[in-house]
Amino acid sequence: MLEKKALIIIDMQKDFLWDKRKPIFNYDTESLVGNVNRVIDLYKNKGYDIIYIKHILSKLLWGVGYSIRGTEGAELFEGVNVVSDYFFEKNRSDAFTAKTFSAFMKKQRYKEVTLCGLDECCCVGETAKGAINEGIKVRLLTNCIGSRFPADKVQKIRNELKALGVEYI
């Protein structure tokens, strides 16, 4: 039986990428979206399932004014290529904490996932840990992951993830 693999695009939402975003989200939108779109096409052609994850909060929490359910900013950034119907929502950093996503991943029996999107020091890194905990091989695409944190924090997260077996490519 062929091993199932997935490319998971994490939190590529308007609130983090559009012109109206908060200044703390200082990602290079054009470069990041271009790189992510190229790998979406590449991995789809390689036979990977393409999965989209959105960080969605049901209401304004602790002053967090982004990713609020029902707002335009919580929607997928319009520049991101959509090539599948696999969409899941999460309300914590690790996508595997979302019951619907976790159940889907178990049912599909993915052996390997490649992650990209936002943010390496938050949701991408935590989802990588969640996949490792499920026994799934994890790869991260360095040119397809954004981070708004200082280089030393990014390096610390990378070292931690590599120690867990995550492969950076």
Protein backbone atom coordinates (compact mmCIF):
# COMPACT_ATOMS: atom_id res chain seq x y z
CA MET A 1 0.00 0.00 0.00
CA LEU A 2 1.26 3.45 -0.94
CA GLU A 3 2.13 5.65 2.04
CA LYS A 4 -0.15 8.66 2.32
CA LYS A 5 1.48 12.06 2.51
CA ALA A 6 0.08 15.54 3.00
CA LEU A 7 1.16 19.14 2.57
CA ILE A 8 -0.42 21.17 5.34
CA ILE A 9 -0.80 24.93 4.87
CA ILE A 10 -1.18 26.58 8.25
CA ASP A 11 -2.85 29.93 9.05
CA MET A 12 -2.37 31.66 5.70
CA GLN A 13 -5.20 34.04 6.60
CA LYS A 14 -5.96 37.64 5.74
CA ASP A 15 -5.44 38.90 9.30
CA PHE A 16 -1.78 37.87 9.05
CA LEU A 17 -1.05 38.69 5.41
CA TRP A 18 -3.21 41.50 4.03
CA ASP A 19 -2.46 45.22 4.02
CA LYS A 20 -4.85 45.80 6.97
CA ARG A 21 -2.94 43.44 9.30
CA LYS A 22 -1.57 44.49 12.68
CA PRO A 23 2.07 45.71 12.59
CA ILE A 24 3.25 42.71 14.64
CA PHE A 25 2.52 40.49 11.63
CA ASN A 26 5.48 41.67 9.60
CA TYR A 27 5.65 38.75 7.19
CA ASP A 28 6.85 39.22 3.60
CA THR A 29 3.45 38.40 2.13
CA GLU A 30 4.43 38.44 -1.54
CA SER A 31 7.43 36.15 -1.11
CA LEU A 32 5.71 33.78 1.35
CA VAL A 33 2.53 33.39 -0.69
CA GLY A 34 4.52 32.92 -3.92
CA ASN A 35 6.66 30.21 -2.33
CA VAL A 36 3.66 28.46 -0.76
CA ASN A 37 1.75 28.49 -4.05
CA ARG A 38 4.71 26.94 -5.88
CA VAL A 39 4.90 24.07 -3.37
CA ILE A 40 1.14 23.58 -3.44
CA ASP A 41 1.40 22.89 -7.17
CA LEU A 42 4.57 20.81 -6.81
CA TYR A 43 3.25 18.63 -3.97
CA LYS A 44 -0.19 18.19 -5.58
CA ASN A 45 1.60 16.88 -8.68
CA LYS A 46 3.62 14.50 -6.45
CA GLY A 47 0.37 13.00 -5.16
CA TYR A 48 0.26 14.64 -1.75
CA ASP A 49 -3.08 15.61 -0.25
CA ILE A 50 -3.23 19.38 0.26
CA ILE A 51 -4.74 20.42 3.60
CA TYR A 52 -5.57 23.95 4.75
CA ILE A 53 -5.75 24.94 8.41
CA LYS A 54 -7.23 28.18 9.75
CA HIS A 55 -6.77 29.52 13.26
CA ILE A 56 -10.27 30.57 14.32
CA LEU A 57 -11.31 32.05 17.64
CA SER A 58 -14.99 32.19 18.50
CA LYS A 59 -14.72 35.62 20.14
CA LEU A 60 -12.30 38.31 21.16
CA LEU A 61 -10.04 36.79 23.82
CA TRP A 62 -7.56 38.58 26.05
CA GLY A 63 -7.26 41.45 23.61
CA VAL A 64 -6.50 39.16 20.67
CA GLY A 65 -8.13 40.98 17.78
CA TYR A 66 -7.51 38.57 14.93
CA SER A 67 -8.80 35.27 13.56
CA ILE A 68 -12.26 35.93 14.95
CA ARG A 69 -14.95 33.65 13.51
CA GLY A 70 -17.12 35.44 10.97
CA THR A 71 -14.69 38.28 10.26
CA GLU A 72 -13.16 38.89 6.85
CA GLY A 73 -9.67 38.74 8.34
CA ALA A 74 -10.15 35.15 9.50
CA GLU A 75 -10.63 33.96 5.92
CA LEU A 76 -7.89 32.39 3.83
CA PHE A 77 -5.73 35.05 2.14
CA GLU A 78 -7.07 35.43 -1.39
CA GLY A 79 -3.62 34.98 -2.97
CA VAL A 80 -3.24 31.40 -1.71
CA ASN A 81 -4.01 28.70 -4.30
CA VAL A 82 -6.85 26.42 -3.25
CA VAL A 83 -6.56 22.98 -4.85
CA SER A 84 -8.54 20.75 -2.46
CA ASP A 85 -11.58 20.69 -0.22
CA TYR A 86 -9.58 19.72 2.88
CA PHE A 87 -10.17 22.67 5.23
CA PHE A 88 -9.97 22.47 9.01
CA GLU A 89 -10.21 24.96 11.84
CA LYS A 90 -8.28 25.04 15.07
CA ASN A 91 -8.35 27.30 18.10
CA ARG A 92 -4.99 26.30 19.59
CA SER A 93 -1.50 26.40 18.14
CA ASP A 94 -1.25 22.64 17.53
CA ALA A 95 -3.70 21.65 14.80
CA PHE A 96 -3.79 18.13 16.26
CA THR A 97 -5.72 19.51 19.25
CA ALA A 98 -8.67 20.12 16.90
CA LYS A 99 -10.82 16.98 17.10
CA THR A 100 -12.05 17.06 13.50
CA PHE A 101 -8.54 17.48 12.09
CA SER A 102 -7.03 14.86 14.39
CA ALA A 103 -9.74 12.33 13.51
CA PHE A 104 -9.24 13.01 9.79
CA MET A 105 -5.47 12.50 10.08
CA LYS A 106 -5.94 9.20 11.92
CA LYS A 107 -8.54 7.96 9.43
CA GLN A 108 -6.29 8.83 6.47
CA ARG A 109 -3.25 7.20 8.14
CA TYR A 110 -0.74 9.73 6.91
CA LYS A 111 2.85 8.57 7.38
CA GLU A 112 4.46 11.89 6.44
CA VAL A 113 3.43 15.55 6.46
CA THR A 114 5.16 18.61 5.12
CA LEU A 115 4.25 21.85 6.85
CA CYS A 116 4.29 25.44 5.67
CA GLY A 117 2.61 28.71 6.60
CA LEU A 118 2.51 30.76 9.79
CA ASP A 119 4.21 31.01 12.25
CA GLU A 120 7.31 28.86 12.76
CA CYS A 121 7.58 29.79 16.45
CA CYS A 122 3.89 29.19 17.08
CA CYS A 123 1.38 27.18 15.09
CA VAL A 124 3.75 25.57 12.56
CA GLY A 125 6.16 24.47 15.28
CA GLU A 126 3.41 23.26 17.60
CA THR A 127 1.65 21.35 14.82
CA ALA A 128 4.99 19.72 13.97
CA LYS A 129 5.23 18.54 17.59
CA GLY A 130 1.63 17.29 17.43
CA ALA A 131 2.40 15.25 14.31
CA ILE A 132 5.54 13.78 15.90
CA ASN A 133 3.43 12.77 18.92
CA GLU A 134 1.13 10.92 16.50
CA GLY A 135 4.07 9.03 14.98
CA ILE A 136 4.02 10.98 11.73
CA LYS A 137 7.25 11.99 9.97
CA VAL A 138 7.47 15.79 9.69
CA ARG A 139 9.22 18.02 7.20
CA LEU A 140 9.23 21.82 7.25
CA LEU A 141 9.83 23.93 4.16
CA THR A 142 12.11 26.74 5.30
CA ASN A 143 11.26 29.11 2.44
CA CYS A 144 7.52 28.56 2.96
CA ILE A 145 7.32 29.35 6.68
CA GLY A 146 7.01 32.83 8.10
CA SER A 147 8.11 34.00 11.50
CA ARG A 148 7.66 37.37 13.15
CA PHE A 149 10.09 36.54 15.94
CA PRO A 150 13.80 37.35 16.34
CA ALA A 151 16.35 35.05 14.70
CA ASP A 152 17.56 33.64 18.05
CA LYS A 153 14.05 32.49 18.97
CA VAL A 154 13.57 30.94 15.51
CA GLN A 155 16.89 29.09 15.87
CA LYS A 156 15.92 27.82 19.31
CA ILE A 157 12.63 26.43 17.93
CA ARG A 158 14.45 24.86 14.96
CA ASN A 159 16.95 23.17 17.25
CA GLU A 160 14.12 21.86 19.43
CA LEU A 161 12.19 20.52 16.44
CA LYS A 162 15.27 18.95 14.84
CA ALA A 163 16.01 17.18 18.13
CA LEU A 164 12.50 15.66 17.87
CA GLY A 165 13.23 14.38 14.37
CA VAL A 166 11.71 17.15 12.26
CA GLU A 167 13.49 17.55 8.93
CA TYR A 168 14.00 21.03 7.49
CA ILE A 169 14.19 21.22 3.72
